[in-house]
Amino acid sequence: MPDEENVDVVAPQPPVQSSKKKQIILIVVLVIVGLALAAGISLFVVTKFMGDIPGGSGYEEGGEPRYHDAGVFVKIGDPKEGILVNVGGPRSGKYLKASIIVEFNPSKKSVINEETHALQPDAEVKVNDVATQFLRATKLEDFDADKQDEFKKQLKDALNAALGGGSVYDIYITSFLLQ
């Protein structure tokens, strides 16, 4: 018998470890791309639909946030009677008795006491002073029901100017007697 060499012919096999690592990396990359794509689509859908809603930007026309934390409601003037002032000048003989409730931003610690949810003493003085001056300076024709929204906006702006921007969310009038 001729010299036979025992030669085992082994076909080269691809490295198993390298192939599995590539598959894992590919899966991780695909998952990350998928999550990024889902986040992008979600952002697009939300901004698209929010843009279609009137005022959908999340802000009012005046640049103030449309949605906010629940405010703290405080009645201006006497807790039972409200506020009583003469209006239309000293000789008009007209008096206004109104219950005006102001919704304050609870995060303004200089205005609202976070424990009692009441006005800070200095803020209370400012609010009553500004409201009284504002009401006394308002002309009789500005108290018409047609102008009530503008009246409330101007009072809100005056209070925010005295207390700092964003301190007052809204003004509510629960009773109004002009005599």
Protein backbone atom coordinates (compact mmCIF):
# COMPACT_ATOMS: atom_id res chain seq x y z
CA MET A 1 0.00 0.00 0.00
CA PRO A 2 1.35 3.17 -0.98
CA ASP A 3 1.92 5.69 1.67
CA GLU A 4 -1.29 7.13 2.38
CA GLU A 5 -1.42 10.18 4.29
CA ASN A 6 -4.20 10.64 6.57
CA VAL A 7 -5.39 13.96 5.54
CA ASP A 8 -8.59 15.12 6.97
CA VAL A 9 -10.07 17.65 4.72
CA VAL A 10 -11.96 20.06 6.82
CA ALA A 11 -13.96 22.72 5.07
CA PRO A 12 -13.37 26.12 6.60
CA GLN A 13 -16.33 27.16 8.70
CA PRO A 14 -17.23 30.76 9.33
CA PRO A 15 -16.45 31.90 12.83
CA VAL A 16 -19.57 31.41 14.92
CA GLN A 17 -18.79 34.08 17.48
CA SER A 18 -18.27 36.84 14.91
CA SER A 19 -21.53 36.07 13.12
CA LYS A 20 -23.58 36.15 16.33
CA LYS A 21 -22.03 39.44 17.40
CA LYS A 22 -22.92 40.99 14.05
CA GLN A 23 -26.50 39.79 14.38
CA ILE A 24 -26.84 41.21 17.89
CA ILE A 25 -25.38 44.56 16.83
CA LEU A 26 -27.73 44.65 13.82
CA ILE A 27 -30.75 43.94 16.05
CA VAL A 28 -29.74 46.64 18.56
CA VAL A 29 -29.25 49.19 15.75
CA LEU A 30 -32.64 48.30 14.24
CA VAL A 31 -34.36 48.65 17.63
CA ILE A 32 -32.78 52.08 18.20
CA VAL A 33 -33.73 53.25 14.70
CA GLY A 34 -37.27 51.93 15.24
CA LEU A 35 -37.64 53.79 18.54
CA ALA A 36 -36.29 57.01 17.02
CA LEU A 37 -38.68 56.65 14.11
CA ALA A 38 -41.63 56.01 16.46
CA ALA A 39 -40.72 59.05 18.57
CA GLY A 40 -40.43 61.23 15.47
CA ILE A 41 -43.78 60.09 14.13
CA SER A 42 -45.42 60.65 17.53
CA LEU A 43 -43.97 64.13 17.76
CA PHE A 44 -45.18 64.94 14.25
CA VAL A 45 -48.70 63.65 14.91
CA VAL A 46 -49.03 65.53 18.21
CA THR A 47 -47.74 68.83 16.79
CA LYS A 48 -49.85 68.44 13.65
CA PHE A 49 -53.07 67.90 15.59
CA MET A 50 -52.25 70.56 18.18
CA GLY A 51 -51.66 73.01 15.34
CA ASP A 52 -55.11 72.28 13.91
CA ILE A 53 -56.87 73.11 17.17
CA PRO A 54 -57.63 76.83 17.47
CA GLY A 55 -55.01 78.18 19.80
CA GLY A 56 -53.35 74.77 19.62
CA SER A 57 -49.92 76.14 20.29
CA GLY A 58 -50.69 75.88 24.00
CA TYR A 59 -50.62 79.65 24.43
CA GLU A 60 -53.30 82.31 24.56
CA GLU A 61 -53.22 85.26 22.17
CA GLY A 62 -51.42 87.35 24.81
CA GLY A 63 -48.55 84.87 24.97
CA GLU A 64 -49.65 83.32 28.27
CA PRO A 65 -49.99 79.55 28.69
CA ARG A 66 -53.44 78.19 27.90
CA TYR A 67 -53.05 75.27 30.30
CA HIS A 68 -51.64 75.73 33.77
CA ASP A 69 -51.63 74.25 37.22
CA ALA A 70 -54.77 74.65 39.28
CA GLY A 71 -54.79 78.16 40.64
CA VAL A 72 -55.55 79.55 44.06
CA PHE A 73 -58.82 81.50 44.15
CA VAL A 74 -58.96 84.61 46.33
CA LYS A 75 -61.81 87.10 46.68
CA ILE A 76 -60.78 90.76 46.49
CA GLY A 77 -61.88 93.06 49.29
CA ASP A 78 -64.06 91.98 52.18
CA PRO A 79 -64.55 88.19 52.23
CA LYS A 80 -68.34 88.55 52.59
CA GLU A 81 -69.14 91.83 50.89
CA GLY A 82 -66.54 91.94 48.16
CA ILE A 83 -65.35 95.37 47.08
CA LEU A 84 -67.25 98.67 47.31
CA VAL A 85 -65.92 101.76 45.53
CA ASN A 86 -67.24 104.99 44.04
CA VAL A 87 -66.76 105.05 40.27
CA GLY A 88 -67.02 107.58 37.49
CA GLY A 89 -65.30 110.38 39.37
CA PRO A 90 -65.99 111.97 42.75
CA ARG A 91 -69.09 113.85 41.56
CA SER A 92 -70.83 111.05 39.73
CA GLY A 93 -72.52 109.64 42.82
CA LYS A 94 -72.18 106.12 41.39
CA TYR A 95 -71.03 103.18 43.45
CA LEU A 96 -69.88 99.74 42.45
CA LYS A 97 -70.29 96.73 44.69
CA ALA A 98 -68.71 93.66 43.17
CA SER A 99 -67.49 90.23 44.09
CA ILE A 100 -64.32 89.72 42.12
CA ILE A 101 -62.37 86.50 42.46
CA VAL A 102 -58.80 86.30 41.24
CA GLU A 103 -57.12 83.03 40.26
CA PHE A 104 -53.47 83.23 41.31
CA ASN A 105 -50.50 81.16 40.17
CA PRO A 106 -49.69 78.87 43.12
CA SER A 107 -46.01 78.68 42.18
CA LYS A 108 -45.49 82.40 42.86
CA LYS A 109 -44.27 82.13 46.45
CA SER A 110 -44.02 85.92 46.81
CA VAL A 111 -47.78 86.13 46.20
CA ILE A 112 -49.28 82.90 47.58
CA ASN A 113 -48.44 81.21 50.88
CA GLU A 114 -47.98 77.56 49.92
CA GLU A 115 -49.14 76.24 53.29
CA THR A 116 -52.37 78.23 53.70
CA HIS A 117 -53.04 78.95 50.00
CA ALA A 118 -53.81 82.53 50.96
CA LEU A 119 -52.25 85.76 49.77
CA GLN A 120 -49.05 86.90 51.40
CA PRO A 121 -49.77 90.03 53.49
CA ASP A 122 -47.84 92.41 51.23
CA ALA A 123 -49.41 90.88 48.12
CA GLU A 124 -52.89 91.29 49.64
CA VAL A 125 -52.27 95.00 50.18
CA LYS A 126 -51.04 95.39 46.60
CA VAL A 127 -54.01 93.47 45.16
CA ASN A 128 -56.59 95.51 47.07
CA ASP A 129 -54.84 98.78 46.23
CA VAL A 130 -54.49 98.02 42.52
CA ALA A 131 -58.08 96.75 42.26
CA THR A 132 -59.49 99.80 44.06
CA GLN A 133 -57.47 102.24 41.97
CA PHE A 134 -58.35 100.40 38.78
CA LEU A 135 -62.08 100.36 39.54
CA ARG A 136 -62.15 104.01 40.60
CA ALA A 137 -60.29 105.09 37.44
CA THR A 138 -62.58 103.12 35.12
CA LYS A 139 -65.14 105.19 33.21
CA LEU A 140 -68.82 104.38 33.64
CA GLU A 141 -69.20 103.32 30.02
CA ASP A 142 -66.42 100.75 30.47
CA PHE A 143 -68.63 98.82 32.90
CA ASP A 144 -71.05 97.83 30.08
CA ALA A 145 -71.67 94.10 29.78
CA ASP A 146 -70.33 94.22 26.20
CA LYS A 147 -66.94 95.32 27.51
CA GLN A 148 -66.70 92.86 30.40
CA ASP A 149 -63.99 90.69 28.79
CA GLU A 150 -61.80 93.72 28.08
CA PHE A 151 -62.44 95.00 31.62
CA LYS A 152 -61.30 91.69 33.13
CA LYS A 153 -58.22 91.58 30.90
CA GLN A 154 -57.20 95.10 31.89
CA LEU A 155 -57.64 94.31 35.60
CA LYS A 156 -55.61 91.11 35.18
CA ASP A 157 -52.84 93.06 33.39
CA ALA A 158 -52.81 95.70 36.15
CA LEU A 159 -52.51 93.03 38.86
CA ASN A 160 -49.77 91.18 36.97
CA ALA A 161 -47.87 94.46 36.58
CA ALA A 162 -48.00 95.04 40.34
CA LEU A 163 -47.26 91.45 41.42
CA GLY A 164 -45.02 90.24 38.62
CA GLY A 165 -45.86 88.65 35.29
CA GLY A 166 -47.73 85.35 35.46
CA SER A 167 -49.00 85.90 39.00
CA VAL A 168 -52.66 86.12 37.94
CA TYR A 169 -54.23 83.46 35.75
CA ASP A 170 -57.73 84.86 35.42
CA ILE A 171 -60.40 87.16 36.86
CA TYR A 172 -63.93 86.02 37.72
CA ILE A 173 -66.83 88.35 38.52
CA THR A 174 -69.51 86.63 40.58
CA SER A 175 -71.66 89.67 41.38
CA PHE A 176 -71.73 93.18 40.02
CA LEU A 177 -73.95 96.01 41.21
CA LEU A 178 -73.50 99.52 39.80
CA GLN A 179 -75.81 102.09 41.37
